[in-house]
C-alpha atoms as a PDB file:
ATOM      1  CA  MET A   1      94.993  80.429 136.176  1.00  0.00           C
ATOM      2  CA  VAL A   2      95.908  76.803 135.835  1.00  0.00           C
ATOM      3  CA  THR A   3      98.420  75.909 133.149  1.00  0.00           C
ATOM      4  CA  ASP A   4      96.919  73.490 130.670  1.00  0.00           C
ATOM      5  CA  VAL A   5      97.754  71.929 127.303  1.00  0.00           C
ATOM      6  CA  ARG A   6      94.822  70.659 125.242  1.00  0.00           C
ATOM      7  CA  LEU A   7      94.293  69.277 121.778  1.00  0.00           C
ATOM      8  CA  ASP A   8      91.114  70.834 120.439  1.00  0.00           C
ATOM      9  CA  ASP A   9      90.195  67.963 118.093  1.00  0.00           C
ATOM     10  CA  PRO A  10      87.195  69.445 116.232  1.00  0.00           C
ATOM     11  CA  GLU A  11      89.334  72.307 114.874  1.00  0.00           C
ATOM     12  CA  GLY A  12      92.741  70.651 115.055  1.00  0.00           C
ATOM     13  CA  HIS A  13      94.146  73.266 117.443  1.00  0.00           C
ATOM     14  CA  LEU A  14      96.736  72.836 120.161  1.00  0.00           C
ATOM     15  CA  VAL A  15      95.673  75.129 122.996  1.00  0.00           C
ATOM     16  CA  LEU A  16      98.175  76.380 125.576  1.00  0.00           C
ATOM     17  CA  ASP A  17      96.588  78.106 128.563  1.00  0.00           C
ATOM     18  CA  ALA A  18      99.319  79.861 130.523  1.00  0.00           C
ATOM     19  CA  PHE A  19     100.472  83.321 131.584  1.00  0.00           C
ATOM     20  CA  VAL A  20     103.795  82.736 129.823  1.00  0.00           C
ATOM     21  CA  VAL A  21     104.793  80.237 127.152  1.00  0.00           C
ATOM     22  CA  ARG A  22     108.526  79.589 127.362  1.00  0.00           C
ATOM     23  CA  GLN A  23     110.536  77.755 124.743  1.00  0.00           C
ATOM     24  CA  ASN A  24     114.170  76.932 125.503  1.00  0.00           C
ATOM     25  CA  GLY A  25     115.837  76.992 122.126  1.00  0.00           C
ATOM     26  CA  SER A  26     116.984  79.418 119.481  1.00  0.00           C
ATOM     27  CA  ASP A  27     114.394  78.860 116.731  1.00  0.00           C
ATOM     28  CA  PHE A  28     110.612  78.916 116.523  1.00  0.00           C
ATOM     29  CA  MET A  29     109.443  77.425 113.222  1.00  0.00           C
ATOM     30  CA  ILE A  30     106.039  77.703 111.562  1.00  0.00           C
ATOM     31  CA  ASP A  31     105.544  75.587 108.454  1.00  0.00           C
ATOM     32  CA  SER A  32     102.458  74.776 106.419  1.00  0.00           C
ATOM     33  CA  ALA A  33     103.288  72.460 103.524  1.00  0.00           C
ATOM     34  CA  VAL A  34     100.140  73.512 101.629  1.00  0.00           C
ATOM     35  CA  ARG A  35     101.166  77.202 101.744  1.00  0.00           C
ATOM     36  CA  ARG A  36     104.729  76.722 100.509  1.00  0.00           C
ATOM     37  CA  ASN A  37     105.630  77.900  97.025  1.00  0.00           C
ATOM     38  CA  GLY A  38     107.762  74.829  96.419  1.00  0.00           C
ATOM     39  CA  ASN A  39     110.858  76.202  98.130  1.00  0.00           C
ATOM     40  CA  PRO A  40     112.427  73.465 100.289  1.00  0.00           C
ATOM     41  CA  GLY A  41     114.275  74.171 103.487  1.00  0.00           C
ATOM     42  CA  TRP A  42     113.785  75.636 106.921  1.00  0.00           C
ATOM     43  CA  ARG A  43     110.952  77.876 108.066  1.00  0.00           C
ATOM     44  CA  ARG A  44     112.455  79.849 110.956  1.00  0.00           C
ATOM     45  CA  ALA A  45     109.798  82.382 111.921  1.00  0.00           C
ATOM     46  CA  LEU A  46     111.531  83.695 115.036  1.00  0.00           C
ATOM     47  CA  VAL A  47     115.189  83.205 115.914  1.00  0.00           C
ATOM     48  CA  HIS A  48     117.140  84.288 118.964  1.00  0.00           C
ATOM     49  CA  ASP A  49     120.229  85.052 116.908  1.00  0.00           C
ATOM     50  CA  GLU A  50     123.969  85.297 117.582  1.00  0.00           C
ATOM     51  CA  ASN A  51     123.716  89.053 118.349  1.00  0.00           C
ATOM     52  CA  ASP A  52     121.234  88.399 121.204  1.00  0.00           C
ATOM     53  CA  SER A  53     118.507  89.936 119.042  1.00  0.00           C
ATOM     54  CA  LEU A  54     115.229  88.573 117.744  1.00  0.00           C
ATOM     55  CA  THR A  55     115.160  87.966 113.999  1.00  0.00           C
ATOM     56  CA  ILE A  56     111.887  87.528 112.133  1.00  0.00           C
ATOM     57  CA  ASN A  57     112.066  85.351 108.994  1.00  0.00           C
ATOM     58  CA  PHE A  58     115.654  84.287 109.678  1.00  0.00           C
ATOM     59  CA  ASN A  59     117.747  83.910 106.514  1.00  0.00           C
ATOM     60  CA  SER A  60     114.647  84.877 104.467  1.00  0.00           C
ATOM     61  CA  ASP A  61     113.296  81.347 104.934  1.00  0.00           C
ATOM     62  CA  TYR A  62     109.795  82.568 103.989  1.00  0.00           C
ATOM     63  CA  THR A  63     110.353  83.530 100.362  1.00  0.00           C
ATOM     64  CA  GLY A  64     107.133  85.574 100.307  1.00  0.00           C
ATOM     65  CA  GLY A  65     108.562  87.905 102.955  1.00  0.00           C
ATOM     66  CA  VAL A  66     106.942  89.259 106.098  1.00  0.00           C
ATOM     67  CA  THR A  67     103.728  91.269 106.325  1.00  0.00           C
ATOM     68  CA  ILE A  68     102.943  93.189 109.490  1.00  0.00           C
ATOM     69  CA  ASN A  69      99.424  94.606 109.651  1.00  0.00           C
ATOM     70  CA  SER A  70      98.119  97.430 111.858  1.00  0.00           C
ATOM     71  CA  VAL A  71     101.541  98.590 113.079  1.00  0.00           C
ATOM     72  CA  THR A  72     101.210 101.498 115.492  1.00  0.00           C
ATOM     73  CA  GLN A  73     104.845 102.053 116.405  1.00  0.00           C
ATOM     74  CA  ILE A  74     108.404 101.061 115.584  1.00  0.00           C
ATOM     75  CA  SER A  75     110.936 101.955 118.254  1.00  0.00           C
ATOM     76  CA  PRO A  76     114.606 101.817 117.229  1.00  0.00           C
ATOM     77  CA  GLN A  77     117.217 100.632 119.694  1.00  0.00           C
ATOM     78  CA  LYS A  78     118.481 103.618 121.680  1.00  0.00           C
ATOM     79  CA  ASN A  79     121.924 104.993 120.862  1.00  0.00           C
ATOM     80  CA  LYS A  80     123.651 106.833 123.741  1.00  0.00           C
ATOM     81  CA  ALA A  81     125.865 108.777 121.316  1.00  0.00           C
ATOM     82  CA  LEU A  82     122.707 110.309 119.806  1.00  0.00           C
ATOM     83  CA  LEU A  83     121.366 111.606 123.150  1.00  0.00           C
ATOM     84  CA  GLY A  84     119.143 108.592 123.636  1.00  0.00           C
ATOM     85  CA  LEU A  85     117.594 108.726 120.168  1.00  0.00           C
ATOM     86  CA  GLY A  86     117.567 105.542 118.175  1.00  0.00           C
ATOM     87  CA  THR A  87     118.504 104.970 114.564  1.00  0.00           C
ATOM     88  CA  LEU A  88     116.354 102.771 112.381  1.00  0.00           C
ATOM     89  CA  LEU A  89     118.222 101.186 109.479  1.00  0.00           C
ATOM     90  CA  ILE A  90     116.185 100.295 106.424  1.00  0.00           C
ATOM     91  CA  ARG A  91     117.935  98.448 103.619  1.00  0.00           C
ATOM     92  CA  GLY A  92     116.239  99.134 100.313  1.00  0.00           C
ATOM     93  CA  GLY A  93     113.712 101.712  99.257  1.00  0.00           C
ATOM     94  CA  ILE A  94     110.549 102.814 100.997  1.00  0.00           C
ATOM     95  CA  SER A  95     107.230 103.318  99.279  1.00  0.00           C
ATOM     96  CA  TYR A  96     104.117 104.502 101.003  1.00  0.00           C
ATOM     97  CA  GLN A  97     100.473 104.651 100.023  1.00  0.00           C
ATOM     98  CA  SER A  98      97.897 107.311 100.730  1.00  0.00           C
ATOM     99  CA  GLN A  99      94.314 107.853  99.711  1.00  0.00           C
ATOM    100  CA  GLY A 100      93.520 110.378  97.014  1.00  0.00           C
ATOM    101  CA  ILE A 101      90.667 111.470  94.805  1.00  0.00           C
ATOM    102  CA  THR A 102      90.557 111.276  91.020  1.00  0.00           C
ATOM    103  CA  ILE A 103      89.390 114.195  88.864  1.00  0.00           C
ATOM    104  CA  ASP A 104      85.937 112.637  88.610  1.00  0.00           C
ATOM    105  CA  GLY A 105      85.690 112.344  92.435  1.00  0.00           C
ATOM    106  CA  ARG A 106      86.421 108.646  92.910  1.00  0.00           C
ATOM    107  CA  SER A 107      88.670 107.404  95.708  1.00  0.00           C
ATOM    108  CA  THR A 108      92.068 106.096  94.643  1.00  0.00           C
ATOM    109  CA  THR A 109      95.271 104.850  96.236  1.00  0.00           C
ATOM    110  CA  ILE A 110      98.435 106.817  95.493  1.00  0.00           C
ATOM    111  CA  THR A 111     101.780 105.044  95.849  1.00  0.00           C
ATOM    112  CA  SER A 112     104.817 107.267  96.393  1.00  0.00           C
ATOM    113  CA  ASN A 113     108.515 106.479  96.616  1.00  0.00           C
ATOM    114  CA  LEU A 114     110.190 108.179  99.586  1.00  0.00           C
ATOM    115  CA  GLU A 115     113.555 108.558  97.809  1.00  0.00           C
ATOM    116  CA  GLU A 116     111.898 110.321  94.854  1.00  0.00           C
ATOM    117  CA  GLU A 117     109.993 112.618  97.213  1.00  0.00           C
ATOM    118  CA  LEU A 118     113.195 113.537  99.069  1.00  0.00           C
ATOM    119  CA  LEU A 119     114.966 114.286  95.777  1.00  0.00           C
ATOM    120  CA  LYS A 120     112.111 116.627  94.779  1.00  0.00           C
ATOM    121  CA  LEU A 121     112.313 118.404  98.137  1.00  0.00           C
ATOM    122  CA  ARG A 122     116.099 118.842  97.863  1.00  0.00           C
ATOM    123  CA  SER A 123     115.681 120.279  94.379  1.00  0.00           C
ATOM    124  CA  GLU A 124     113.023 122.725  95.566  1.00  0.00           C
ATOM    125  CA  ILE A 125     115.186 123.787  98.531  1.00  0.00           C
ATOM    126  CA  SER A 126     118.120 124.373  96.188  1.00  0.00           C
ATOM    127  CA  LEU A 127     115.964 126.570  93.915  1.00  0.00           C
ATOM    128  CA  LEU A 128     114.677 128.530  96.899  1.00  0.00           C
ATOM    129  CA  ARG A 129     118.240 129.115  98.153  1.00  0.00           C
ATOM    130  CA  LYS A 130     119.210 130.490  94.743  1.00  0.00           C
ATOM    131  CA  LYS A 131     116.193 132.807  94.748  1.00  0.00           C
ATOM    132  CA  VAL A 132     117.018 134.045  98.266  1.00  0.00           C
ATOM    133  CA  GLU A 133     120.650 134.675  97.206  1.00  0.00           C
ATOM    134  CA  ALA A 134     119.465 136.623  94.170  1.00  0.00           C
ATOM    135  CA  LEU A 135     117.170 138.734  96.331  1.00  0.00           C
ATOM    136  CA  GLU A 136     119.950 139.381  98.863  1.00  0.00           C
ATOM    137  CA  ASN A 137     122.328 140.507  96.092  1.00  0.00           C
ATOM    138  CA  ARG A 138     119.941 143.230  94.825  1.00  0.00           C
END
C-alpha cells in the first residue's frame, strides 16, 4: 500500500491511506463548533497523559460525556498482587438496562441500579443465614 493524503472535496473529507497513522504529540483534538453546547475551551478527545496512559475526554472537555456503542469487552490492567487479575475502578453508580415484557405483553426496557440490586441480595443473604441458624439450633 502506498501512503497517501487526499482532500476529498465533494464531501469535505481528509483521507489518510496508510497502515499506521502516527501523531507525535500528547493531544488529539476533535472539535465541531456547530455541535458545541456553548462551552468554550479545549476539546481533547485523546490524551497521552502524565501517567503514560490514554485518557478519553481529558479533563471532561466534552461536557456531554463519552458514549461507547457496541462494546464487547473491557479488560482491566493486570495486577500481579491479584494473581494476574485486573481491577476495574468505576467512580459513580452503575445502571444497566434489560428488555422485559409488560403485563399486556408489550416489550419494555427495564433500568436497574446495580447498587440497589446488590443491597437487595445482601439483605436476602442475611435473611437466609438467619433461617439456616434457626434450623441448626432446633
